[in-house]
Amino acid sequence: MTVSFKTLDLNLLRVFDAVMEERSVLRASQKVSLSQSAVSHSLARLREMLEDELFVRTTAGMQPTARALGMAPLVREALKSLEIAVELPKFEPDKSTKLFTLAANDFTTMMIASPLLQILGREAPHVDLVIKPVTRIDLAEQIDLGRIDAAIGIFATPPERFRSSFLFEYDDVLITGAKRKLGKLDIAGFARLPIVVVSFGGEQEGAVGGFLSERGLARRSEMFDRPALEKALAESESPPRIAVSVPHFLALPALLEDTELAAIVPRPLAHSFARTHAIATHELPYPTSPIEVRVLWHERHEGDPAQEWLHEVVRRSAEDVRSGAKQSAGNAPPPGKRERQVAAKNA
């Protein structure tokens, strides 16, 4: 008789493996949750198909034939592979040696990299991390191809193939060198300042409305609220003057030192700069819209324990920034009082 794997009932191999391990029809039936008669029937079918007794009943139990002994390790390995294939995969961070790749700009890297590495050190000491810049790459393509596990940034409504989760939000503030005395900052005074902004690409790179779009994914390229700035200065005698545009936030402290320049930056970054550089922070004389920073990934990662763990630890790494933003919002004084406090601080 010619045996065809295409017509083989895999349950027969489960029964075979159980009898091989237990050497007893009774114990094998209990292991595979079948009746003894069902196990005996399955063995009979397999014997007929393979034209071999497979097991011989003795006083010491069911003893395998030479054919059964040759089959057993292959069947066991095949059943294990099938079990792994159909069961939910597991991820054990403390034992994993995976390499994860994130994409982020220098601002978001400054905000979350340190707490993220602390979490990895405690919970996943053998996991490695690569952080790629979001500038000058086709971010959507890199995520589509699986070369980037997740991206951190500011995105317009993403295409359906992507998923995202909130990390934190911020508004804009003004920073200068600590020696710079602005006094009371109003719209007229602000309009006379030479301003530095961070931009990852302008119209020459295809940016529209402050966003770069690639394969349907639009990410923010101008890292300041230009519409709010232009609205505030619309009736001013002086138009907005962007004196310097740079592609990196980390260049700002050096640019501001001993110059007349002032930079518009995210509030959390201003707090971070003030801890390590001679930087003064000033409230802008106009309101800016809150900006959401999110972590984004491809839909194919849904249900992948390793990827879901990565998204969760990225969210946890942003907890301090998130709570700091809430505290700043909760303690923010009314506009009139805020202006008086800023004026008093800089007088």
Protein backbone atom coordinates (compact mmCIF):
# COMPACT_ATOMS: atom_id res chain seq x y z
CA MET A 1 0.00 0.00 0.00
CA THR A 2 1.34 3.43 -0.95
CA VAL A 3 1.03 5.97 1.85
CA SER A 4 0.16 9.56 0.85
CA PHE A 5 0.84 12.31 3.35
CA LYS A 6 -1.89 14.38 1.67
CA THR A 7 -4.55 11.95 2.90
CA LEU A 8 -2.96 11.22 6.29
CA ASP A 9 -5.03 12.12 9.34
CA LEU A 10 -2.59 13.98 11.63
CA ASN A 11 -4.58 12.82 14.66
CA LEU A 12 -3.21 9.33 13.98
CA LEU A 13 0.29 10.68 14.55
CA ARG A 14 -0.81 12.27 17.84
CA VAL A 15 -2.09 8.88 18.98
CA PHE A 16 1.11 7.18 17.78
CA ASP A 17 3.25 9.69 19.72
CA ALA A 18 1.18 9.23 22.88
CA VAL A 19 1.41 5.42 22.76
CA MET A 20 5.13 5.68 22.04
CA GLU A 21 5.63 7.81 25.14
CA GLU A 22 3.27 5.97 27.50
CA ARG A 23 3.69 2.39 26.20
CA SER A 24 0.04 1.92 27.20
CA VAL A 25 -3.23 2.34 25.31
CA LEU A 26 -4.99 3.34 28.53
CA ARG A 27 -2.50 6.04 29.50
CA ALA A 28 -2.24 7.23 25.89
CA SER A 29 -6.04 7.60 25.70
CA GLN A 30 -5.97 9.75 28.84
CA LYS A 31 -3.18 11.91 27.42
CA VAL A 32 -4.97 12.66 24.14
CA SER A 33 -8.44 12.76 25.73
CA LEU A 34 -9.86 9.87 23.71
CA SER A 35 -11.45 6.58 24.70
CA GLN A 36 -9.36 3.40 24.70
CA SER A 37 -11.37 2.06 21.79
CA ALA A 38 -10.73 5.23 19.80
CA VAL A 39 -6.97 4.91 20.42
CA SER A 40 -7.05 1.25 19.43
CA HIS A 41 -9.01 2.12 16.28
CA SER A 42 -6.51 4.84 15.37
CA LEU A 43 -3.60 2.46 15.84
CA ALA A 44 -5.32 -0.09 13.63
CA ARG A 45 -5.77 2.50 10.85
CA LEU A 46 -2.13 3.59 11.09
CA ARG A 47 -0.93 -0.04 11.07
CA GLU A 48 -2.94 -0.69 7.92
CA MET A 49 -1.63 2.40 6.19
CA LEU A 50 2.02 1.73 7.07
CA GLU A 51 1.77 -2.06 6.79
CA ASP A 52 3.57 -2.50 10.10
CA GLU A 53 2.45 -3.58 13.56
CA LEU A 54 4.13 -0.52 15.11
CA PHE A 55 3.50 -1.81 18.65
CA VAL A 56 3.49 -5.33 20.08
CA ARG A 57 1.56 -6.00 23.27
CA THR A 58 3.78 -7.63 25.94
CA THR A 59 3.67 -8.08 29.72
CA ALA A 60 5.94 -4.99 29.92
CA GLY A 61 3.52 -2.89 27.88
CA MET A 62 3.30 -1.86 24.24
CA GLN A 63 6.74 -2.34 22.71
CA PRO A 64 7.57 -0.47 19.48
CA THR A 65 8.75 -2.19 16.34
CA ALA A 66 11.85 -1.11 14.44
CA ARG A 67 9.65 0.94 12.11
CA ALA A 68 8.05 2.71 15.07
CA LEU A 69 11.41 3.44 16.67
CA GLY A 70 12.62 5.01 13.42
CA MET A 71 9.47 7.11 13.05
CA ALA A 72 9.17 8.29 16.66
CA PRO A 73 11.75 11.15 16.82
CA LEU A 74 10.64 12.53 13.44
CA VAL A 75 6.96 12.45 14.41
CA ARG A 76 7.72 14.09 17.78
CA GLU A 77 9.67 16.90 16.12
CA ALA A 78 6.96 17.42 13.50
CA LEU A 79 4.23 17.65 16.13
CA LYS A 80 6.29 20.17 18.13
CA SER A 81 6.76 22.30 15.03
CA LEU A 82 3.03 22.21 14.31
CA GLU A 83 2.27 23.15 17.91
CA ILE A 84 4.58 26.17 17.69
CA ALA A 85 3.03 27.17 14.36
CA VAL A 86 -0.57 27.19 15.55
CA GLU A 87 -0.22 28.37 19.16
CA LEU A 88 0.21 32.00 20.14
CA PRO A 89 3.90 32.93 20.13
CA LYS A 90 5.53 33.88 23.42
CA PHE A 91 8.02 36.62 24.16
CA GLU A 92 10.23 36.56 27.23
CA PRO A 93 12.03 39.93 27.45
CA ASP A 94 14.52 38.79 30.09
CA LYS A 95 15.76 35.98 27.81
CA SER A 96 15.39 37.66 24.42
CA THR A 97 18.35 38.71 22.27
CA LYS A 98 16.20 40.56 19.70
CA LEU A 99 17.30 43.73 17.96
CA PHE A 100 14.61 46.42 17.72
CA THR A 101 14.87 49.39 15.38
CA LEU A 102 13.13 52.68 16.13
CA ALA A 103 12.99 55.91 14.12
CA ALA A 104 12.99 59.24 15.99
CA ASN A 105 14.31 62.79 15.77
CA ASP A 106 16.79 64.18 18.28
CA PHE A 107 14.06 65.87 20.37
CA THR A 108 12.03 62.71 20.97
CA THR A 109 15.23 60.71 21.43
CA MET A 110 16.27 63.12 24.21
CA MET A 111 12.87 62.77 25.85
CA ILE A 112 12.58 58.97 25.94
CA ALA A 113 15.96 57.32 25.23
CA SER A 114 17.29 57.42 28.79
CA PRO A 115 14.17 55.98 30.50
CA LEU A 116 13.79 53.48 27.66
CA LEU A 117 17.34 52.20 28.16
CA GLN A 118 16.73 51.95 31.90
CA ILE A 119 13.66 49.77 31.27
CA LEU A 120 15.64 47.57 28.87
CA GLY A 121 18.45 47.25 31.39
CA ARG A 122 16.04 46.04 34.09
CA GLU A 123 13.69 43.89 32.04
CA ALA A 124 15.49 42.92 28.84
CA PRO A 125 19.26 43.15 29.41
CA HIS A 126 20.14 41.23 26.22
CA VAL A 127 17.82 43.16 23.87
CA ASP A 128 19.64 45.59 21.55
CA LEU A 129 18.28 48.86 20.18
CA VAL A 130 18.96 50.92 17.06
CA ILE A 131 17.51 54.43 16.76
CA LYS A 132 17.52 55.78 13.21
CA PRO A 133 16.90 59.43 12.29
CA VAL A 134 13.51 60.18 10.75
CA THR A 135 15.01 62.79 8.44
CA ARG A 136 16.20 62.10 4.94
CA ILE A 137 14.66 58.63 4.75
CA ASP A 138 11.44 57.33 3.25
CA LEU A 139 9.95 56.49 6.64
CA ALA A 140 6.81 54.81 5.30
CA GLU A 141 8.85 52.58 3.00
CA GLN A 142 11.19 51.56 5.82
CA ILE A 143 8.22 50.59 8.02
CA ASP A 144 6.49 48.80 5.13
CA LEU A 145 9.64 46.76 4.45
CA GLY A 146 10.06 45.85 8.12
CA ARG A 147 13.38 47.67 8.47
CA ILE A 148 11.90 49.87 11.21
CA ASP A 149 9.78 48.33 13.97
CA ALA A 150 8.22 51.60 15.13
CA ALA A 151 8.55 55.33 14.52
CA ILE A 152 8.16 58.12 17.05
CA GLY A 153 6.97 61.48 15.81
CA ILE A 154 4.12 63.79 14.88
CA PHE A 155 1.87 62.38 12.21
CA ALA A 156 -1.26 63.45 10.40
CA THR A 157 -4.01 60.83 10.17
CA PRO A 158 -2.01 57.73 9.07
CA PRO A 159 -3.08 55.30 6.33
CA GLU A 160 -5.09 52.24 7.40
CA ARG A 161 -2.05 49.96 7.25
CA PHE A 162 -0.50 51.78 10.22
CA ARG A 163 -1.41 51.84 13.90
CA SER A 164 -0.35 54.43 16.47
CA SER A 165 -0.50 55.18 20.19
CA PHE A 166 -0.28 58.46 22.12
CA LEU A 167 2.98 59.20 23.98
CA PHE A 168 2.80 62.84 25.10
CA GLU A 169 1.86 66.33 23.94
CA TYR A 170 3.55 69.71 24.17
CA ASP A 171 3.22 73.36 23.27
CA ASP A 172 5.87 75.83 22.11
CA VAL A 173 8.00 78.18 24.20
CA LEU A 174 10.81 80.59 23.41
CA ILE A 175 14.39 80.05 24.56
CA THR A 176 17.40 82.37 24.50
CA GLY A 177 20.88 82.40 25.89
CA ALA A 178 20.76 82.99 29.64
CA LYS A 179 22.52 86.36 29.24
CA ARG A 180 19.80 87.64 26.91
CA LYS A 181 17.41 89.99 28.73
CA LEU A 182 14.12 90.33 26.92
CA GLY A 183 12.12 92.21 29.51
CA LYS A 184 8.38 92.16 29.03
CA LEU A 185 7.78 90.24 25.83
CA ASP A 186 4.80 91.37 23.78
CA ILE A 187 3.90 90.84 20.14
CA ALA A 188 5.75 93.94 19.01
CA GLY A 189 8.90 92.98 20.89
CA PHE A 190 8.69 89.40 19.69
CA ALA A 191 8.31 90.55 16.06
CA ARG A 192 11.72 92.27 16.26
CA LEU A 193 13.54 89.10 17.37
CA PRO A 194 15.64 87.04 14.94
CA ILE A 195 14.05 83.61 15.33
CA VAL A 196 15.60 80.14 15.00
CA VAL A 197 13.36 77.18 14.18
CA VAL A 198 13.91 73.49 13.52
CA SER A 199 12.68 72.11 10.21
CA PHE A 200 13.34 68.67 8.72
CA GLY A 201 12.39 69.74 5.22
CA GLY A 202 10.78 72.64 3.41
CA GLU A 203 8.83 73.04 0.20
CA GLN A 204 11.93 72.12 -1.79
CA GLU A 205 11.76 68.64 -0.22
CA GLY A 206 8.05 68.36 -0.92
CA ALA A 207 6.67 69.60 2.40
CA VAL A 208 3.10 70.92 2.30
CA GLY A 209 1.61 72.79 5.25
CA GLY A 210 4.54 71.80 7.45
CA PHE A 211 4.20 68.06 6.69
CA LEU A 212 6.19 65.69 4.49
CA SER A 213 4.13 62.94 2.88
CA GLU A 214 5.54 59.59 1.78
CA ARG A 215 3.39 56.69 0.56
CA GLY A 216 0.36 58.17 2.31
CA LEU A 217 2.12 58.78 5.64
CA ALA A 218 2.37 62.49 6.50
CA ARG A 219 4.82 63.45 9.23
CA ARG A 220 5.48 66.91 10.63
CA SER A 221 8.57 68.58 9.18
CA GLU A 222 8.30 72.07 10.72
CA MET A 223 8.84 71.62 14.44
CA PHE A 224 7.00 74.77 15.51
CA ASP A 225 3.46 76.09 15.17
CA ARG A 226 3.88 78.28 12.07
CA PRO A 227 0.13 79.06 11.69
CA ALA A 228 -0.01 80.38 15.27
CA LEU A 229 3.11 82.48 14.66
CA GLU A 230 1.78 83.96 11.42
CA LYS A 231 -1.64 84.64 12.96
CA ALA A 232 -0.08 86.43 15.94
CA LEU A 233 2.04 88.66 13.70
CA ALA A 234 -0.52 89.16 10.94
CA GLU A 235 -1.30 92.69 12.07
CA SER A 236 2.22 93.53 13.18
CA GLU A 237 4.29 96.08 11.31
CA SER A 238 7.06 93.51 11.07
CA PRO A 239 6.42 90.19 9.28
CA PRO A 240 7.68 86.97 10.89
CA ARG A 241 11.42 86.72 10.46
CA ILE A 242 12.87 83.22 10.49
CA ALA A 243 16.53 84.15 10.66
CA VAL A 244 17.87 80.60 10.93
CA SER A 245 16.38 77.19 10.15
CA VAL A 246 18.30 74.10 11.29
CA PRO A 247 17.56 70.36 11.01
CA HIS A 248 18.60 69.45 14.56
CA PHE A 249 17.42 70.59 17.99
CA LEU A 250 20.75 69.80 19.63
CA ALA A 251 22.45 72.61 17.69
CA LEU A 252 20.32 75.28 19.38
CA PRO A 253 22.21 75.91 22.67
CA ALA A 254 25.42 76.66 20.77
CA LEU A 255 23.57 78.98 18.35
CA LEU A 256 21.92 80.94 21.16
CA GLU A 257 25.02 81.46 23.29
CA ASP A 258 26.23 85.09 23.13
CA THR A 259 23.86 85.97 20.25
CA GLU A 260 20.64 87.93 19.80
CA LEU A 261 18.85 84.83 18.47
CA ALA A 262 15.80 83.26 20.09
CA ALA A 263 14.45 79.80 19.27
CA ILE A 264 10.92 78.37 19.29
CA VAL A 265 11.07 74.87 20.77
CA PRO A 266 8.85 72.26 22.46
CA ARG A 267 8.36 73.01 26.16
CA PRO A 268 9.79 69.65 27.38
CA LEU A 269 12.96 70.29 25.38
CA ALA A 270 13.33 73.77 26.89
CA HIS A 271 13.17 72.21 30.37
CA SER A 272 15.81 69.67 29.37
CA PHE A 273 18.13 72.32 27.89
CA ALA A 274 17.79 74.49 31.01
CA ARG A 275 19.19 71.65 33.14
CA THR A 276 22.38 71.32 31.12
CA HIS A 277 22.94 74.64 29.31
CA ALA A 278 22.87 78.38 30.04
CA ILE A 279 19.38 78.73 28.58
CA ALA A 280 16.49 80.98 29.61
CA THR A 281 12.88 80.02 28.87
CA HIS A 282 10.19 82.58 28.00
CA GLU A 283 6.49 82.18 27.37
CA LEU A 284 5.48 83.16 23.86
CA PRO A 285 3.17 86.23 23.66
CA TYR A 286 0.63 84.15 21.73
CA PRO A 287 -0.94 80.71 22.27
CA THR A 288 0.19 77.65 20.32
CA SER A 289 -1.76 74.47 19.64
CA PRO A 290 -0.88 71.32 21.62
CA ILE A 291 1.10 68.87 19.48
CA GLU A 292 0.78 65.11 19.95
CA VAL A 293 3.82 62.84 19.79
CA ARG A 294 2.87 59.25 18.94
CA VAL A 295 4.52 55.90 18.35
CA LEU A 296 3.52 54.36 15.01
CA TRP A 297 3.89 50.82 13.61
CA HIS A 298 2.63 48.59 10.80
CA GLU A 299 -0.62 46.69 11.24
CA ARG A 300 1.14 43.37 10.61
CA HIS A 301 2.71 43.70 14.07
CA GLU A 302 -0.72 43.45 15.73
CA GLY A 303 -0.75 40.34 17.93
CA ASP A 304 3.05 39.93 17.87
CA PRO A 305 4.07 39.70 21.57
CA ALA A 306 7.57 41.07 20.96
CA GLN A 307 6.28 44.09 19.06
CA GLU A 308 3.47 44.74 21.53
CA TRP A 309 6.02 44.64 24.35
CA LEU A 310 8.16 47.19 22.46
CA HIS A 311 5.20 49.56 22.04
CA GLU A 312 4.35 49.21 25.73
CA VAL A 313 7.88 50.01 26.96
CA VAL A 314 8.07 53.00 24.60
CA ARG A 315 4.85 54.31 26.15
CA ARG A 316 6.26 53.73 29.63
CA SER A 317 9.45 55.58 28.72
CA ALA A 318 7.35 58.68 27.99
CA GLU A 319 5.59 58.69 31.38
CA ASP A 320 7.76 61.43 32.90
CA VAL A 321 7.28 63.72 29.90
CA ARG A 322 3.57 62.98 29.88
CA SER A 323 3.13 63.72 33.59
CA GLY A 324 5.32 66.83 33.29
CA ALA A 325 3.09 68.16 30.50
CA LYS A 326 -0.02 67.59 32.64
CA GLN A 327 1.58 69.35 35.59
CA SER A 328 2.57 72.33 33.44
CA ALA A 329 -0.97 72.57 32.07
CA GLY A 330 -2.48 72.31 35.53
CA ASN A 331 -0.21 75.01 36.95
CA ALA A 332 -0.46 77.39 34.02
CA PRO A 333 -1.61 80.84 35.20
CA PRO A 334 -4.16 82.95 33.30
CA PRO A 335 -2.64 84.82 30.33
CA GLY A 336 -2.46 88.17 32.10
CA LYS A 337 -0.79 86.72 35.18
CA ARG A 338 1.57 84.64 33.05
CA GLU A 339 2.78 87.72 31.18
CA ARG A 340 3.41 89.51 34.47
CA GLN A 341 5.36 86.52 35.79
CA VAL A 342 7.47 86.31 32.62
CA ALA A 343 8.14 90.05 32.74
CA ALA A 344 9.15 89.87 36.40
CA LYS A 345 11.44 86.92 35.74
CA ASN A 346 13.23 88.63 32.86
CA ALA A 347 13.35 92.13 34.27
